[in-house]
Amino acid sequence: MKNSYKILLAEDDKFISRAYMDGLTRAGFSVMVAYDGAEALKMFAADKPDLMLLDLIMPVKNGFEVLEEINDNDKAPRIPIVVLSNLGQDSDIRKAKELKATDYLVKSNVTMKEVIEKVKSYLEKK
């Protein structure tokens, strides 16, 4: 696996984003953090990440709106977008999948190691 894959982490919680950033960086990834949905969309367009980890509950634009805007943009790169959220209802999972999220992980149900393994598996498929 090539080393410096770029991960865009869209997460408004500073503590959680720092934890994921540390774990992903230690795993050899280059990590950019967006703290709201609008910032995530700007970074998505400008920095061309290889994968996005997307929280759903964020200020300015939520994760569903981010997915919608990426889907509506024909020029947006088609990269794996993994929703990483505390929302675990079937309706939220279904909505994210309908909006072409690659996967849906509930934060409380996955460890950092599992998130990193998922990220690696999606990047290896690219």
N, C-alpha and C. Protein backbone atom coordinates (compact mmCIF):
# COMPACT_ATOMS: atom_id res chain seq x y z
N MET A 1 0.85 -1.19 0.00
CA MET A 1 0.00 0.00 0.00
C MET A 1 0.89 1.24 0.00
N LYS A 2 0.58 2.18 -0.88
CA LYS A 2 1.40 3.39 -0.93
C LYS A 2 1.29 4.14 0.39
N ASN A 3 2.35 4.82 0.77
CA ASN A 3 2.33 5.40 2.11
C ASN A 3 1.45 6.61 2.26
N SER A 4 1.72 7.69 1.67
CA SER A 4 1.03 8.91 2.08
C SER A 4 -0.34 9.10 1.45
N TYR A 5 -1.23 8.15 1.71
CA TYR A 5 -2.62 8.37 1.32
C TYR A 5 -3.15 9.56 2.11
N LYS A 6 -3.93 10.40 1.42
CA LYS A 6 -4.50 11.57 2.09
C LYS A 6 -5.92 11.26 2.55
N ILE A 7 -6.15 11.44 3.84
CA ILE A 7 -7.46 11.22 4.43
C ILE A 7 -8.03 12.57 4.83
N LEU A 8 -9.26 12.83 4.42
CA LEU A 8 -9.97 14.03 4.88
C LEU A 8 -10.91 13.59 5.99
N LEU A 9 -10.67 14.10 7.17
CA LEU A 9 -11.49 13.79 8.34
C LEU A 9 -12.41 14.98 8.60
N ALA A 10 -13.70 14.78 8.42
CA ALA A 10 -14.68 15.84 8.68
C ALA A 10 -15.34 15.52 10.01
N GLU A 11 -14.92 16.22 11.05
CA GLU A 11 -15.35 15.94 12.42
C GLU A 11 -15.28 17.23 13.22
N ASP A 12 -16.42 17.68 13.76
CA ASP A 12 -16.42 18.96 14.48
C ASP A 12 -15.96 18.86 15.93
N ASP A 13 -15.98 17.66 16.51
CA ASP A 13 -15.55 17.50 17.89
C ASP A 13 -14.02 17.47 17.95
N LYS A 14 -13.44 18.48 18.59
CA LYS A 14 -11.97 18.63 18.59
C LYS A 14 -11.28 17.42 19.24
N PHE A 15 -11.85 16.90 20.33
CA PHE A 15 -11.24 15.77 21.02
C PHE A 15 -11.24 14.53 20.13
N ILE A 16 -12.40 14.25 19.52
CA ILE A 16 -12.52 13.07 18.65
C ILE A 16 -11.63 13.23 17.42
N SER A 17 -11.64 14.42 16.83
CA SER A 17 -10.83 14.62 15.62
C SER A 17 -9.34 14.45 15.93
N ARG A 18 -8.91 14.94 17.10
CA ARG A 18 -7.50 14.79 17.47
C ARG A 18 -7.15 13.31 17.66
N ALA A 19 -8.05 12.56 18.28
CA ALA A 19 -7.81 11.13 18.50
C ALA A 19 -7.69 10.38 17.17
N TYR A 20 -8.63 10.65 16.25
CA TYR A 20 -8.57 9.97 14.95
C TYR A 20 -7.35 10.43 14.15
N MET A 21 -7.05 11.71 14.23
CA MET A 21 -5.88 12.22 13.51
C MET A 21 -4.61 11.53 14.00
N ASP A 22 -4.46 11.42 15.31
CA ASP A 22 -3.29 10.76 15.88
C ASP A 22 -3.20 9.31 15.42
N GLY A 23 -4.31 8.59 15.53
CA GLY A 23 -4.31 7.18 15.15
C GLY A 23 -4.01 6.97 13.67
N LEU A 24 -4.64 7.78 12.82
CA LEU A 24 -4.42 7.65 11.38
C LEU A 24 -3.01 8.07 10.98
N THR A 25 -2.50 9.10 11.63
CA THR A 25 -1.13 9.55 11.33
C THR A 25 -0.13 8.48 11.72
N ARG A 26 -0.33 7.88 12.89
CA ARG A 26 0.55 6.79 13.34
C ARG A 26 0.49 5.60 12.39
N ALA A 27 -0.66 5.41 11.74
CA ALA A 27 -0.82 4.31 10.79
C ALA A 27 -0.21 4.66 9.43
N GLY A 28 0.36 5.87 9.31
CA GLY A 28 1.07 6.23 8.09
C GLY A 28 0.29 7.08 7.10
N PHE A 29 -0.88 7.57 7.51
CA PHE A 29 -1.68 8.40 6.60
C PHE A 29 -1.40 9.88 6.81
N SER A 30 -1.61 10.63 5.76
CA SER A 30 -1.58 12.09 5.83
C SER A 30 -3.03 12.50 6.10
N VAL A 31 -3.26 13.27 7.17
CA VAL A 31 -4.63 13.59 7.58
C VAL A 31 -4.88 15.09 7.56
N MET A 32 -5.99 15.47 6.94
CA MET A 32 -6.47 16.86 6.96
C MET A 32 -7.78 16.84 7.74
N VAL A 33 -8.00 17.86 8.56
CA VAL A 33 -9.23 17.89 9.36
C VAL A 33 -10.07 19.10 8.98
N ALA A 34 -11.34 18.84 8.74
CA ALA A 34 -12.33 19.91 8.54
C ALA A 34 -13.27 19.85 9.73
N TYR A 35 -13.57 21.02 10.30
CA TYR A 35 -14.41 21.06 11.51
C TYR A 35 -15.87 21.38 11.23
N ASP A 36 -16.23 21.58 9.97
CA ASP A 36 -17.64 21.74 9.60
C ASP A 36 -17.82 21.27 8.16
N GLY A 37 -19.08 21.12 7.76
CA GLY A 37 -19.36 20.57 6.44
C GLY A 37 -18.91 21.44 5.28
N ALA A 38 -19.04 22.76 5.44
CA ALA A 38 -18.61 23.66 4.35
C ALA A 38 -17.10 23.58 4.16
N GLU A 39 -16.37 23.56 5.26
CA GLU A 39 -14.91 23.43 5.19
C GLU A 39 -14.53 22.08 4.57
N ALA A 40 -15.27 21.04 4.91
CA ALA A 40 -15.01 19.71 4.34
C ALA A 40 -15.16 19.73 2.82
N LEU A 41 -16.21 20.40 2.33
CA LEU A 41 -16.42 20.47 0.88
C LEU A 41 -15.30 21.24 0.19
N LYS A 42 -14.86 22.35 0.82
CA LYS A 42 -13.75 23.13 0.24
C LYS A 42 -12.49 22.27 0.16
N MET A 43 -12.17 21.59 1.25
CA MET A 43 -10.96 20.76 1.29
C MET A 43 -11.07 19.57 0.34
N PHE A 44 -12.27 19.02 0.21
CA PHE A 44 -12.51 17.90 -0.69
C PHE A 44 -12.16 18.31 -2.12
N ALA A 45 -12.61 19.51 -2.50
CA ALA A 45 -12.36 19.99 -3.86
C ALA A 45 -10.91 20.39 -4.07
N ALA A 46 -10.32 21.06 -3.08
CA ALA A 46 -8.98 21.62 -3.25
C ALA A 46 -7.86 20.59 -3.04
N ASP A 47 -8.03 19.71 -2.07
CA ASP A 47 -6.92 18.85 -1.67
C ASP A 47 -6.97 17.43 -2.22
N LYS A 48 -8.05 17.09 -2.92
CA LYS A 48 -8.18 15.77 -3.56
C LYS A 48 -7.75 14.61 -2.65
N PRO A 49 -8.49 14.41 -1.56
CA PRO A 49 -8.13 13.29 -0.67
C PRO A 49 -8.38 11.94 -1.34
N ASP A 50 -7.76 10.90 -0.80
CA ASP A 50 -7.96 9.54 -1.30
C ASP A 50 -9.17 8.88 -0.65
N LEU A 51 -9.56 9.40 0.53
CA LEU A 51 -10.70 8.85 1.27
C LEU A 51 -11.19 9.92 2.23
N MET A 52 -12.50 9.91 2.51
CA MET A 52 -13.04 10.85 3.49
C MET A 52 -13.73 10.08 4.61
N LEU A 53 -13.45 10.50 5.84
CA LEU A 53 -14.20 10.03 7.01
C LEU A 53 -15.13 11.18 7.37
N LEU A 54 -16.42 10.92 7.38
CA LEU A 54 -17.40 11.99 7.47
C LEU A 54 -18.35 11.82 8.65
N ASP A 55 -18.33 12.78 9.56
CA ASP A 55 -19.30 12.81 10.64
C ASP A 55 -20.60 13.36 10.06
N LEU A 56 -21.73 13.04 10.66
CA LEU A 56 -23.00 13.55 10.15
C LEU A 56 -23.46 14.81 10.86
N ILE A 57 -23.23 14.89 12.16
CA ILE A 57 -23.71 16.05 12.91
C ILE A 57 -22.57 17.06 13.02
N MET A 58 -22.61 18.06 12.13
CA MET A 58 -21.58 19.10 12.09
C MET A 58 -22.25 20.45 11.85
N PRO A 59 -21.57 21.53 12.25
CA PRO A 59 -22.13 22.86 11.97
C PRO A 59 -22.02 23.24 10.49
N VAL A 60 -22.68 24.29 10.12
CA VAL A 60 -22.73 24.89 8.77
C VAL A 60 -23.44 23.96 7.78
N LYS A 61 -22.84 22.82 7.48
CA LYS A 61 -23.50 21.80 6.65
C LYS A 61 -23.31 20.46 7.35
N ASN A 62 -24.38 19.68 7.41
CA ASN A 62 -24.22 18.37 8.04
C ASN A 62 -23.68 17.35 7.03
N GLY A 63 -23.38 16.17 7.50
CA GLY A 63 -22.79 15.15 6.64
C GLY A 63 -23.67 14.73 5.48
N PHE A 64 -24.99 14.70 5.71
CA PHE A 64 -25.90 14.36 4.61
C PHE A 64 -25.81 15.41 3.50
N GLU A 65 -25.75 16.70 3.90
CA GLU A 65 -25.63 17.77 2.91
C GLU A 65 -24.31 17.69 2.15
N VAL A 66 -23.25 17.31 2.86
CA VAL A 66 -21.94 17.13 2.22
C VAL A 66 -22.04 16.03 1.17
N LEU A 67 -22.63 14.90 1.53
CA LEU A 67 -22.79 13.80 0.57
C LEU A 67 -23.62 14.24 -0.64
N GLU A 68 -24.71 14.96 -0.39
CA GLU A 68 -25.56 15.43 -1.48
C GLU A 68 -24.80 16.33 -2.44
N GLU A 69 -24.02 17.27 -1.89
CA GLU A 69 -23.27 18.20 -2.75
C GLU A 69 -22.21 17.47 -3.56
N ILE A 70 -21.55 16.50 -2.96
CA ILE A 70 -20.53 15.74 -3.69
C ILE A 70 -21.20 14.95 -4.82
N ASN A 71 -22.34 14.34 -4.53
CA ASN A 71 -23.07 13.57 -5.55
C ASN A 71 -23.56 14.46 -6.68
N ASP A 72 -23.97 15.69 -6.36
CA ASP A 72 -24.51 16.61 -7.37
C ASP A 72 -23.42 17.23 -8.24
N ASN A 73 -22.17 17.10 -7.82
CA ASN A 73 -21.06 17.69 -8.57
C ASN A 73 -20.43 16.63 -9.47
N ASP A 74 -20.66 16.75 -10.77
CA ASP A 74 -20.11 15.77 -11.72
C ASP A 74 -18.60 15.74 -11.72
N LYS A 75 -17.98 16.83 -11.32
CA LYS A 75 -16.51 16.90 -11.35
C LYS A 75 -15.87 16.38 -10.06
N ALA A 76 -16.69 16.10 -9.04
CA ALA A 76 -16.16 15.61 -7.77
C ALA A 76 -15.52 14.24 -7.96
N PRO A 77 -14.34 14.04 -7.39
CA PRO A 77 -13.71 12.73 -7.52
C PRO A 77 -14.55 11.67 -6.79
N ARG A 78 -14.60 10.49 -7.34
CA ARG A 78 -15.34 9.39 -6.71
C ARG A 78 -14.37 8.62 -5.83
N ILE A 79 -14.37 8.97 -4.58
CA ILE A 79 -13.48 8.32 -3.62
C ILE A 79 -14.33 7.65 -2.55
N PRO A 80 -13.75 6.71 -1.79
CA PRO A 80 -14.52 6.13 -0.69
C PRO A 80 -14.86 7.20 0.35
N ILE A 81 -16.12 7.26 0.74
CA ILE A 81 -16.55 8.16 1.81
C ILE A 81 -17.18 7.29 2.89
N VAL A 82 -16.52 7.25 4.03
CA VAL A 82 -16.97 6.42 5.14
C VAL A 82 -17.59 7.33 6.19
N VAL A 83 -18.88 7.13 6.45
CA VAL A 83 -19.56 7.89 7.49
C VAL A 83 -19.11 7.32 8.84
N LEU A 84 -18.72 8.23 9.72
CA LEU A 84 -18.27 7.86 11.07
C LEU A 84 -19.09 8.73 12.02
N SER A 85 -20.16 8.16 12.56
CA SER A 85 -21.14 8.97 13.28
C SER A 85 -21.60 8.29 14.56
N ASN A 86 -22.19 9.07 15.44
CA ASN A 86 -22.84 8.50 16.61
C ASN A 86 -24.29 8.12 16.31
N LEU A 87 -24.81 8.56 15.16
CA LEU A 87 -26.18 8.22 14.78
C LEU A 87 -26.19 6.77 14.30
N GLY A 88 -26.96 5.94 14.99
CA GLY A 88 -26.96 4.53 14.62
C GLY A 88 -28.30 4.01 14.14
N GLN A 89 -29.28 4.91 13.95
CA GLN A 89 -30.61 4.48 13.52
C GLN A 89 -30.55 3.95 12.08
N ASP A 90 -31.38 2.94 11.82
CA ASP A 90 -31.44 2.36 10.49
C ASP A 90 -31.75 3.41 9.43
N SER A 91 -32.62 4.38 9.76
CA SER A 91 -33.00 5.40 8.78
C SER A 91 -31.79 6.27 8.39
N ASP A 92 -30.91 6.58 9.36
CA ASP A 92 -29.71 7.37 9.05
C ASP A 92 -28.75 6.56 8.19
N ILE A 93 -28.58 5.30 8.53
CA ILE A 93 -27.68 4.43 7.77
C ILE A 93 -28.20 4.28 6.34
N ARG A 94 -29.50 4.05 6.21
CA ARG A 94 -30.11 3.90 4.87
C ARG A 94 -29.93 5.17 4.05
N LYS A 95 -30.18 6.34 4.69
CA LYS A 95 -30.04 7.61 3.97
C LYS A 95 -28.60 7.83 3.50
N ALA A 96 -27.64 7.53 4.36
CA ALA A 96 -26.23 7.71 3.97
C ALA A 96 -25.87 6.78 2.81
N LYS A 97 -26.35 5.54 2.86
CA LYS A 97 -26.06 4.59 1.78
C LYS A 97 -26.72 5.04 0.47
N GLU A 98 -27.95 5.59 0.58
CA GLU A 98 -28.62 6.11 -0.62
C GLU A 98 -27.84 7.27 -1.22
N LEU A 99 -27.13 8.01 -0.36
CA LEU A 99 -26.31 9.13 -0.83
C LEU A 99 -24.89 8.67 -1.20
N LYS A 100 -24.75 7.38 -1.41
CA LYS A 100 -23.52 6.76 -1.92
C LYS A 100 -22.37 6.74 -0.93
N ALA A 101 -22.66 6.75 0.37
CA ALA A 101 -21.58 6.53 1.33
C ALA A 101 -21.07 5.11 1.14
N THR A 102 -19.76 4.95 1.17
CA THR A 102 -19.15 3.64 0.95
C THR A 102 -19.44 2.70 2.12
N ASP A 103 -19.42 3.27 3.31
CA ASP A 103 -19.64 2.47 4.52
C ASP A 103 -20.19 3.39 5.59
N TYR A 104 -20.69 2.80 6.67
CA TYR A 104 -21.28 3.56 7.76
C TYR A 104 -20.82 2.92 9.05
N LEU A 105 -20.03 3.64 9.83
CA LEU A 105 -19.53 3.14 11.10
C LEU A 105 -20.10 3.97 12.24
N VAL A 106 -20.60 3.30 13.26
CA VAL A 106 -21.09 3.99 14.44
C VAL A 106 -19.91 4.08 15.42
N LYS A 107 -19.55 5.32 15.77
CA LYS A 107 -18.35 5.57 16.58
C LYS A 107 -18.26 4.68 17.82
N SER A 108 -19.38 4.55 18.53
CA SER A 108 -19.35 3.79 19.78
C SER A 108 -19.18 2.29 19.55
N ASN A 109 -19.37 1.84 18.31
CA ASN A 109 -19.29 0.40 18.02
C ASN A 109 -17.97 -0.02 17.38
N VAL A 110 -17.08 0.93 17.10
CA VAL A 110 -15.82 0.57 16.44
C VAL A 110 -14.63 1.14 17.22
N THR A 111 -13.55 0.39 17.21
CA THR A 111 -12.31 0.87 17.83
C THR A 111 -11.50 1.64 16.78
N MET A 112 -10.52 2.37 17.25
CA MET A 112 -9.61 3.07 16.34
C MET A 112 -8.97 2.08 15.38
N LYS A 113 -8.55 0.94 15.91
CA LYS A 113 -7.90 -0.08 15.08
C LYS A 113 -8.84 -0.54 13.96
N GLU A 114 -10.11 -0.75 14.30
CA GLU A 114 -11.08 -1.18 13.28
C GLU A 114 -11.29 -0.11 12.22
N VAL A 115 -11.33 1.15 12.63
CA VAL A 115 -11.48 2.25 11.66
C VAL A 115 -10.28 2.24 10.71
N ILE A 116 -9.09 2.12 11.26
CA ILE A 116 -7.87 2.12 10.44
C ILE A 116 -7.87 0.93 9.48
N GLU A 117 -8.29 -0.24 9.96
CA GLU A 117 -8.35 -1.42 9.09
C GLU A 117 -9.35 -1.19 7.94
N LYS A 118 -10.50 -0.60 8.24
CA LYS A 118 -11.50 -0.29 7.20
C LYS A 118 -10.91 0.68 6.18
N VAL A 119 -10.26 1.73 6.67
CA VAL A 119 -9.65 2.72 5.78
C VAL A 119 -8.64 2.03 4.86
N LYS A 120 -7.79 1.22 5.42
CA LYS A 120 -6.79 0.50 4.61
C LYS A 120 -7.46 -0.39 3.57
N SER A 121 -8.52 -1.08 3.97
CA SER A 121 -9.18 -2.00 3.02
C SER A 121 -9.78 -1.22 1.85
N TYR A 122 -10.39 -0.06 2.12
CA TYR A 122 -10.97 0.72 1.02
C TYR A 122 -9.90 1.33 0.12
N LEU A 123 -8.78 1.72 0.70
CA LEU A 123 -7.71 2.31 -0.11
C LEU A 123 -7.03 1.24 -0.97
N GLU A 124 -6.94 0.03 -0.46
CA GLU A 124 -6.33 -1.05 -1.24
C GLU A 124 -7.20 -1.42 -2.43
N LYS A 125 -8.51 -1.20 -2.32
CA LYS A 125 -9.43 -1.52 -3.43
C LYS A 125 -9.38 -0.47 -4.53
N LYS A 126 -8.91 0.74 -4.18
CA LYS A 126 -8.92 1.85 -5.15
C LYS A 126 -8.10 1.54 -6.38
